[in-house]
N, C-alpha and C. Protein backbone atom coordinates (compact mmCIF):
# COMPACT_ATOMS: atom_id res chain seq x y z
N MET A 1 0.90 -1.19 0.01
CA MET A 1 0.02 0.07 -0.07
C MET A 1 0.83 1.25 0.15
N ILE A 2 0.43 2.22 -0.76
CA ILE A 2 1.26 3.49 -0.74
C ILE A 2 0.22 4.49 -0.22
N TYR A 3 0.66 5.35 0.65
CA TYR A 3 -0.03 6.27 1.35
C TYR A 3 0.48 7.67 1.03
N PHE A 4 -0.36 8.53 0.61
CA PHE A 4 -0.01 9.85 0.22
C PHE A 4 -0.30 10.79 1.36
N PRO A 5 0.58 11.58 1.77
CA PRO A 5 0.30 12.51 2.91
C PRO A 5 -0.68 13.67 2.29
N ARG A 6 -1.43 14.18 3.18
CA ARG A 6 -2.31 15.24 2.82
C ARG A 6 -1.74 16.41 2.32
N LEU A 7 -0.67 16.84 3.01
CA LEU A 7 0.09 18.05 2.70
C LEU A 7 1.60 17.85 2.36
N GLY A 8 2.28 18.74 1.68
CA GLY A 8 3.76 18.70 1.68
C GLY A 8 4.30 18.28 0.27
N ASN A 9 3.50 17.72 -0.65
CA ASN A 9 3.99 17.25 -1.89
C ASN A 9 3.53 18.26 -3.01
N LYS A 10 4.54 18.59 -3.93
CA LYS A 10 4.34 19.46 -5.05
C LYS A 10 5.17 19.01 -6.14
N GLY A 11 4.85 19.31 -7.51
CA GLY A 11 5.76 18.98 -8.48
C GLY A 11 5.38 17.55 -9.16
N LYS A 12 6.38 16.86 -9.58
CA LYS A 12 6.19 15.56 -10.33
C LYS A 12 5.84 14.53 -9.39
N TYR A 13 4.87 13.66 -9.71
CA TYR A 13 4.38 12.57 -8.84
C TYR A 13 5.62 11.67 -8.27
N ARG A 14 6.52 11.37 -9.27
CA ARG A 14 7.59 10.53 -8.91
C ARG A 14 8.42 10.97 -7.72
N ASP A 15 8.43 12.23 -7.51
CA ASP A 15 9.22 12.96 -6.54
C ASP A 15 8.43 13.11 -5.20
N TYR A 16 7.07 12.88 -5.19
CA TYR A 16 6.33 12.90 -3.88
C TYR A 16 6.82 11.88 -2.88
N TYR A 17 6.82 12.37 -1.71
CA TYR A 17 7.12 11.57 -0.51
C TYR A 17 5.94 10.82 -0.09
N VAL A 18 6.04 9.50 0.13
CA VAL A 18 4.89 8.63 0.41
C VAL A 18 5.34 7.64 1.47
N THR A 19 4.46 6.98 2.20
CA THR A 19 4.66 5.97 3.07
C THR A 19 4.40 4.52 2.38
N PHE A 20 5.18 3.67 2.40
CA PHE A 20 4.96 2.42 1.67
C PHE A 20 4.93 1.18 2.55
N ARG A 21 3.84 0.50 2.51
CA ARG A 21 3.54 -0.75 3.39
C ARG A 21 3.47 -2.00 2.45
N ASP A 22 4.52 -2.82 2.54
CA ASP A 22 4.42 -4.14 1.82
C ASP A 22 3.43 -5.01 2.51
N ARG A 23 2.39 -5.28 2.16
CA ARG A 23 1.32 -5.99 2.91
C ARG A 23 1.64 -7.56 2.92
N LYS A 24 2.39 -8.05 1.75
CA LYS A 24 2.75 -9.38 1.73
C LYS A 24 3.76 -9.71 2.78
N LYS A 25 4.73 -8.90 2.85
CA LYS A 25 5.79 -9.03 3.97
C LYS A 25 5.44 -8.40 5.30
N ARG A 26 4.36 -7.71 5.35
CA ARG A 26 3.91 -7.11 6.58
C ARG A 26 4.90 -6.11 7.06
N VAL A 27 5.63 -5.32 6.26
CA VAL A 27 6.66 -4.50 6.57
C VAL A 27 6.33 -3.07 6.07
N THR A 28 6.56 -2.15 6.91
CA THR A 28 6.53 -0.66 6.63
C THR A 28 7.88 -0.08 6.56
N GLN A 29 8.33 0.75 5.66
CA GLN A 29 9.62 1.29 5.79
C GLN A 29 9.91 2.02 7.03
N SER A 30 10.96 1.99 7.67
CA SER A 30 11.20 2.48 9.11
C SER A 30 11.12 3.94 9.10
N GLY A 31 10.14 4.44 9.81
CA GLY A 31 10.02 5.90 10.20
C GLY A 31 10.35 6.94 9.16
N LYS A 32 10.32 6.73 7.93
CA LYS A 32 10.65 7.93 7.08
C LYS A 32 9.68 7.61 5.73
N ARG A 33 9.47 8.79 5.11
CA ARG A 33 8.80 8.70 3.73
C ARG A 33 9.91 8.48 2.65
N ILE A 34 9.44 7.81 1.69
CA ILE A 34 10.37 7.55 0.48
C ILE A 34 9.69 8.16 -0.69
N LYS A 35 10.53 8.30 -1.75
CA LYS A 35 9.84 8.93 -2.87
C LYS A 35 8.97 7.99 -3.58
N LEU A 36 7.87 8.30 -4.19
CA LEU A 36 7.19 7.36 -4.99
C LEU A 36 7.97 6.69 -6.01
N GLY A 37 8.76 7.34 -6.80
CA GLY A 37 9.57 6.69 -7.72
C GLY A 37 10.45 5.51 -7.39
N GLU A 38 10.92 5.61 -6.09
CA GLU A 38 11.71 4.59 -5.39
C GLU A 38 10.72 3.34 -5.23
N VAL A 39 9.46 3.44 -4.87
CA VAL A 39 8.49 2.51 -4.68
C VAL A 39 8.20 1.96 -6.03
N LEU A 40 7.81 2.69 -6.98
CA LEU A 40 7.44 2.12 -8.35
C LEU A 40 8.62 1.39 -9.04
N ASP A 41 9.85 1.65 -8.62
CA ASP A 41 10.98 1.11 -9.14
C ASP A 41 11.29 -0.34 -8.51
N LYS A 42 10.60 -0.62 -7.38
CA LYS A 42 10.77 -1.99 -6.83
C LYS A 42 10.42 -2.95 -7.87
N PRO A 43 11.19 -4.11 -7.89
CA PRO A 43 10.82 -5.18 -8.85
C PRO A 43 9.52 -5.69 -8.74
N GLU A 44 8.97 -5.89 -7.45
CA GLU A 44 7.58 -6.59 -7.26
C GLU A 44 6.58 -5.59 -7.74
N ILE A 45 6.88 -4.25 -7.85
CA ILE A 45 5.86 -3.36 -8.30
C ILE A 45 6.03 -3.10 -9.83
N ASP A 46 7.31 -2.99 -10.28
CA ASP A 46 7.59 -2.59 -11.62
C ASP A 46 7.23 -3.78 -12.53
N ARG A 47 7.39 -5.07 -12.00
CA ARG A 47 7.20 -6.30 -12.82
C ARG A 47 5.84 -7.04 -12.55
N GLY A 48 5.00 -6.30 -11.57
CA GLY A 48 3.91 -6.93 -11.16
C GLY A 48 2.58 -6.41 -11.76
N TYR A 49 2.64 -5.53 -12.82
CA TYR A 49 1.32 -5.11 -13.39
C TYR A 49 0.52 -6.22 -13.77
N PRO A 50 -0.80 -6.09 -13.73
CA PRO A 50 -1.60 -4.94 -13.25
C PRO A 50 -1.74 -4.97 -11.83
N HIS A 51 -1.99 -3.67 -11.45
CA HIS A 51 -2.07 -3.43 -9.89
C HIS A 51 -3.63 -2.88 -9.87
N THR A 52 -4.21 -2.95 -8.60
CA THR A 52 -5.44 -2.31 -8.38
C THR A 52 -5.11 -1.22 -7.40
N VAL A 53 -5.68 0.02 -7.79
CA VAL A 53 -5.48 1.26 -6.89
C VAL A 53 -6.77 1.71 -6.45
N GLY A 54 -6.79 2.29 -5.30
CA GLY A 54 -8.08 2.87 -4.76
C GLY A 54 -7.68 4.20 -4.01
N PHE A 55 -8.73 5.22 -4.06
CA PHE A 55 -8.53 6.29 -3.33
C PHE A 55 -9.68 6.34 -2.20
N TYR A 56 -9.49 6.50 -1.03
CA TYR A 56 -10.37 6.43 -0.02
C TYR A 56 -10.32 7.74 0.88
N LYS A 57 -11.40 8.15 1.41
CA LYS A 57 -11.40 9.35 2.23
C LYS A 57 -11.27 9.06 3.72
N VAL A 58 -11.69 7.88 4.27
CA VAL A 58 -11.57 7.72 5.76
C VAL A 58 -11.19 6.13 5.88
N SER A 59 -10.45 5.95 6.89
CA SER A 59 -10.13 4.63 7.26
C SER A 59 -10.30 4.28 8.64
N ASP A 60 -10.83 3.06 9.10
CA ASP A 60 -11.00 2.73 10.34
C ASP A 60 -10.21 1.51 10.68
N GLY A 61 -9.50 1.41 11.88
CA GLY A 61 -8.76 0.30 12.28
C GLY A 61 -7.39 0.24 11.88
N ARG A 62 -6.72 -0.81 12.25
CA ARG A 62 -5.22 -0.93 12.03
C ARG A 62 -4.96 -2.33 11.72
N GLY A 63 -3.97 -2.70 10.95
CA GLY A 63 -3.57 -3.95 10.57
C GLY A 63 -4.56 -4.95 9.90
N LYS A 64 -5.01 -6.06 10.47
CA LYS A 64 -5.95 -6.91 9.81
C LYS A 64 -7.33 -6.29 9.88
N SER A 65 -7.67 -5.47 10.80
CA SER A 65 -8.91 -4.77 11.06
C SER A 65 -9.03 -3.44 10.19
N PHE A 66 -8.09 -3.19 9.23
CA PHE A 66 -8.12 -1.93 8.50
C PHE A 66 -9.23 -1.89 7.53
N MET A 67 -10.05 -0.91 7.63
CA MET A 67 -11.23 -0.78 6.79
C MET A 67 -11.33 0.47 6.20
N PRO A 68 -10.82 0.61 4.98
CA PRO A 68 -10.92 1.72 4.18
C PRO A 68 -12.28 2.00 3.48
N GLN A 69 -12.77 3.23 3.37
CA GLN A 69 -14.00 3.50 2.64
C GLN A 69 -13.70 4.06 1.37
N TYR A 70 -13.65 3.12 0.34
CA TYR A 70 -13.33 3.51 -1.05
C TYR A 70 -14.16 4.40 -1.77
N LEU A 71 -13.67 5.49 -2.52
CA LEU A 71 -14.39 6.35 -3.37
C LEU A 71 -14.31 5.78 -4.83
N GLU A 72 -13.07 5.26 -5.10
CA GLU A 72 -12.96 4.88 -6.52
C GLU A 72 -11.78 3.61 -6.58
N LEU A 73 -11.99 2.81 -7.36
CA LEU A 73 -11.05 1.81 -7.67
C LEU A 73 -10.66 1.72 -9.14
N ARG A 74 -9.47 1.43 -9.49
CA ARG A 74 -9.13 1.34 -10.91
C ARG A 74 -8.02 0.33 -11.04
N LYS A 75 -8.02 -0.40 -12.12
CA LYS A 75 -6.82 -1.37 -12.45
C LYS A 75 -5.93 -0.57 -13.28
N ILE A 76 -4.75 -0.63 -12.84
CA ILE A 76 -3.68 -0.04 -13.42
C ILE A 76 -2.66 -1.00 -14.18
N GLN A 77 -2.73 -0.78 -15.57
CA GLN A 77 -1.97 -1.70 -16.39
C GLN A 77 -0.43 -1.35 -16.59
N CYS A 78 -0.22 0.10 -16.34
CA CYS A 78 1.15 0.48 -16.45
C CYS A 78 1.28 1.78 -15.70
N VAL A 79 2.58 2.27 -15.48
CA VAL A 79 2.73 3.49 -14.77
C VAL A 79 1.97 4.73 -15.33
N GLU A 80 1.80 4.74 -16.69
CA GLU A 80 1.16 5.95 -17.21
C GLU A 80 -0.39 5.90 -16.70
N ASP A 81 -0.91 4.67 -16.48
CA ASP A 81 -2.29 4.75 -15.89
C ASP A 81 -2.36 5.25 -14.53
N LEU A 82 -1.22 5.02 -13.78
CA LEU A 82 -1.15 5.59 -12.39
C LEU A 82 -1.17 7.12 -12.39
N TRP A 83 -0.35 7.71 -13.40
CA TRP A 83 -0.30 9.16 -13.53
C TRP A 83 -1.60 9.77 -13.81
N PHE A 84 -2.23 9.08 -14.76
CA PHE A 84 -3.68 9.45 -15.18
C PHE A 84 -4.63 9.41 -14.04
N PHE A 85 -4.59 8.33 -13.19
CA PHE A 85 -5.38 8.18 -11.95
C PHE A 85 -5.23 9.37 -10.97
N LEU A 86 -3.96 9.56 -10.74
CA LEU A 86 -3.42 10.68 -9.71
C LEU A 86 -3.96 12.13 -10.35
N ASN A 87 -3.79 12.33 -11.54
CA ASN A 87 -4.23 13.54 -12.12
C ASN A 87 -5.86 13.79 -11.91
N SER A 88 -6.49 12.56 -12.17
CA SER A 88 -7.97 12.76 -11.98
C SER A 88 -8.38 13.04 -10.53
N LEU A 89 -7.49 12.66 -9.56
CA LEU A 89 -7.74 12.85 -8.15
C LEU A 89 -7.49 14.38 -7.82
N ASP A 90 -6.57 14.95 -8.69
CA ASP A 90 -6.10 16.37 -8.44
C ASP A 90 -5.39 16.47 -6.99
N ILE A 91 -4.48 15.63 -6.67
CA ILE A 91 -3.76 15.72 -5.44
C ILE A 91 -2.51 16.56 -5.49
């Protein structure tokens, strides 16, 4: 999962600072945000298309009880689809 902070990011999406949680390995990077480009360059992301992305406004719970309320879901076939999705959200 990639979490975008509400504030602080401007410019190109690849340079946005995000929090990345690897749900398969149950690991979050330690205490810092990393650039979205670094996440997208990870082999499991880069070679794992298609991906499903969602945008949600509210989340409840943590860990296994995490319950996001999705506004929109899309299947992303390539990184260009992700840019299109982020543009449509106007973040």
